[in-house]
Amino acid sequence: MARLKVTQTRSKIGGRQNQRDTLRSLGLKRVHDVVVKEDRPEIRGMIATVSHLVTVEEVD
């Protein structure tokens, strides 16, 4: 199964509460944090919620 490398590139300060909660549930705590997640529809939806705060790359 494909995996996604998610990097937080912008701060959550000033964002809505649901965006802050989404970053936390992805495992991102601060700028430049990186997590690798399975490519599932749930994760894609979370990334779509905070797409302006993160960058996403596909990894093997």
N, C-alpha and C. Protein backbone atom coordinates (compact mmCIF):
# COMPACT_ATOMS: atom_id res chain seq x y z
N MET A 1 0.84 -1.18 0.00
CA MET A 1 0.00 0.00 0.00
C MET A 1 0.89 1.25 0.00
N ALA A 2 0.46 2.26 -0.70
CA ALA A 2 1.23 3.50 -0.78
C ALA A 2 1.26 4.21 0.56
N ARG A 3 2.29 5.01 0.72
CA ARG A 3 2.43 5.78 1.95
C ARG A 3 2.61 7.24 1.58
N LEU A 4 2.20 8.11 2.49
CA LEU A 4 2.29 9.55 2.28
C LEU A 4 3.20 10.16 3.33
N LYS A 5 4.13 11.00 2.89
CA LYS A 5 4.98 11.75 3.80
C LYS A 5 4.38 13.14 3.93
N VAL A 6 3.92 13.47 5.12
CA VAL A 6 3.24 14.74 5.37
C VAL A 6 4.16 15.62 6.22
N THR A 7 4.43 16.83 5.73
CA THR A 7 5.30 17.77 6.43
C THR A 7 4.52 19.04 6.72
N GLN A 8 4.53 19.47 7.98
CA GLN A 8 3.87 20.72 8.32
C GLN A 8 4.79 21.86 7.91
N THR A 9 4.28 22.77 7.06
CA THR A 9 5.10 23.86 6.54
C THR A 9 4.71 25.22 7.09
N ARG A 10 3.50 25.32 7.63
CA ARG A 10 3.05 26.60 8.18
C ARG A 10 2.49 26.39 9.58
N SER A 11 2.43 27.46 10.34
CA SER A 11 1.98 27.40 11.72
C SER A 11 0.47 27.26 11.81
N LYS A 12 0.02 26.60 12.88
CA LYS A 12 -1.42 26.47 13.10
C LYS A 12 -1.99 27.66 13.86
N ILE A 13 -1.14 28.58 14.27
CA ILE A 13 -1.60 29.77 15.00
C ILE A 13 -2.54 30.57 14.11
N GLY A 14 -3.68 30.92 14.63
CA GLY A 14 -4.66 31.69 13.88
C GLY A 14 -5.60 30.82 13.08
N GLY A 15 -5.37 29.53 13.05
CA GLY A 15 -6.25 28.62 12.32
C GLY A 15 -7.48 28.26 13.14
N ARG A 16 -8.44 27.68 12.48
CA ARG A 16 -9.65 27.25 13.17
C ARG A 16 -9.35 26.05 14.07
N GLN A 17 -10.22 25.83 15.04
CA GLN A 17 -10.01 24.74 16.00
C GLN A 17 -9.98 23.38 15.30
N ASN A 18 -10.85 23.17 14.30
CA ASN A 18 -10.84 21.87 13.63
C ASN A 18 -9.54 21.63 12.86
N GLN A 19 -8.92 22.69 12.36
CA GLN A 19 -7.64 22.54 11.68
C GLN A 19 -6.53 22.21 12.67
N ARG A 20 -6.55 22.83 13.84
CA ARG A 20 -5.57 22.52 14.88
C ARG A 20 -5.73 21.09 15.36
N ASP A 21 -6.97 20.66 15.52
CA ASP A 21 -7.24 19.28 15.95
C ASP A 21 -6.80 18.28 14.89
N THR A 22 -7.00 18.62 13.62
CA THR A 22 -6.60 17.73 12.54
C THR A 22 -5.09 17.57 12.48
N LEU A 23 -4.35 18.66 12.63
CA LEU A 23 -2.89 18.56 12.65
C LEU A 23 -2.43 17.67 13.80
N ARG A 24 -3.04 17.83 14.94
CA ARG A 24 -2.67 17.02 16.11
C ARG A 24 -2.96 15.54 15.86
N SER A 25 -4.10 15.24 15.27
CA SER A 25 -4.45 13.84 15.03
C SER A 25 -3.60 13.22 13.92
N LEU A 26 -3.04 14.05 13.04
CA LEU A 26 -2.08 13.55 12.06
C LEU A 26 -0.72 13.28 12.71
N GLY A 27 -0.51 13.83 13.89
CA GLY A 27 0.77 13.65 14.59
C GLY A 27 1.73 14.79 14.39
N LEU A 28 1.24 15.93 13.90
CA LEU A 28 2.09 17.09 13.65
C LEU A 28 1.93 18.08 14.80
N LYS A 29 3.06 18.42 15.43
CA LYS A 29 3.01 19.30 16.59
C LYS A 29 3.57 20.68 16.31
N ARG A 30 4.57 20.74 15.42
CA ARG A 30 5.22 22.02 15.15
C ARG A 30 5.64 22.09 13.69
N VAL A 31 6.04 23.26 13.26
CA VAL A 31 6.47 23.46 11.88
C VAL A 31 7.70 22.59 11.61
N HIS A 32 7.75 22.00 10.43
CA HIS A 32 8.80 21.10 9.96
C HIS A 32 8.73 19.71 10.55
N ASP A 33 7.68 19.37 11.29
CA ASP A 33 7.46 17.99 11.71
C ASP A 33 7.08 17.16 10.49
N VAL A 34 7.51 15.92 10.47
CA VAL A 34 7.23 15.02 9.35
C VAL A 34 6.66 13.72 9.90
N VAL A 35 5.58 13.24 9.28
CA VAL A 35 5.02 11.93 9.61
C VAL A 35 4.78 11.17 8.31
N VAL A 36 4.82 9.85 8.41
CA VAL A 36 4.54 9.00 7.27
C VAL A 36 3.28 8.21 7.60
N LYS A 37 2.26 8.34 6.76
CA LYS A 37 0.96 7.70 6.99
C LYS A 37 0.60 6.83 5.81
N GLU A 38 -0.24 5.82 6.05
CA GLU A 38 -0.78 5.00 4.98
C GLU A 38 -1.72 5.86 4.13
N ASP A 39 -1.75 5.59 2.83
CA ASP A 39 -2.62 6.34 1.92
C ASP A 39 -4.02 5.75 1.97
N ARG A 40 -4.84 6.30 2.86
CA ARG A 40 -6.23 5.86 3.03
C ARG A 40 -7.14 7.06 2.85
N PRO A 41 -8.42 6.82 2.54
CA PRO A 41 -9.35 7.95 2.35
C PRO A 41 -9.47 8.84 3.59
N GLU A 42 -9.38 8.25 4.78
CA GLU A 42 -9.49 9.05 6.01
C GLU A 42 -8.33 10.04 6.11
N ILE A 43 -7.14 9.56 5.81
CA ILE A 43 -5.95 10.41 5.88
C ILE A 43 -6.01 11.47 4.79
N ARG A 44 -6.46 11.10 3.59
CA ARG A 44 -6.59 12.08 2.50
C ARG A 44 -7.56 13.20 2.88
N GLY A 45 -8.64 12.86 3.57
CA GLY A 45 -9.60 13.87 4.00
C GLY A 45 -9.01 14.81 5.03
N MET A 46 -8.21 14.25 5.95
CA MET A 46 -7.56 15.08 6.96
C MET A 46 -6.56 16.03 6.29
N ILE A 47 -5.83 15.52 5.31
CA ILE A 47 -4.87 16.35 4.59
C ILE A 47 -5.59 17.46 3.82
N ALA A 48 -6.73 17.15 3.25
CA ALA A 48 -7.50 18.16 2.51
C ALA A 48 -7.94 19.29 3.43
N THR A 49 -8.23 18.97 4.69
CA THR A 49 -8.66 19.98 5.65
C THR A 49 -7.56 20.99 5.94
N VAL A 50 -6.31 20.53 5.96
CA VAL A 50 -5.18 21.40 6.31
C VAL A 50 -4.19 21.51 5.14
N SER A 51 -4.69 21.43 3.92
CA SER A 51 -3.82 21.40 2.75
C SER A 51 -2.97 22.66 2.62
N HIS A 52 -3.43 23.78 3.15
CA HIS A 52 -2.68 25.03 3.06
C HIS A 52 -1.57 25.11 4.12
N LEU A 53 -1.53 24.15 5.04
CA LEU A 53 -0.53 24.15 6.11
C LEU A 53 0.51 23.05 5.94
N VAL A 54 0.29 22.12 5.03
CA VAL A 54 1.18 20.97 4.89
C VAL A 54 1.59 20.75 3.44
N THR A 55 2.66 19.98 3.25
CA THR A 55 3.03 19.47 1.94
C THR A 55 2.99 17.95 2.01
N VAL A 56 2.66 17.31 0.89
CA VAL A 56 2.50 15.87 0.86
C VAL A 56 3.32 15.28 -0.28
N GLU A 57 4.03 14.19 0.03
CA GLU A 57 4.79 13.46 -0.98
C GLU A 57 4.45 11.98 -0.85
N GLU A 58 4.42 11.28 -1.97
CA GLU A 58 4.22 9.84 -1.94
C GLU A 58 5.59 9.18 -1.79
N VAL A 59 5.67 8.19 -0.91
CA VAL A 59 6.92 7.44 -0.70
C VAL A 59 6.60 5.96 -0.81
N ASP A 60 7.64 5.18 -1.07
CA ASP A 60 7.47 3.73 -1.17
C ASP A 60 7.74 3.04 0.14
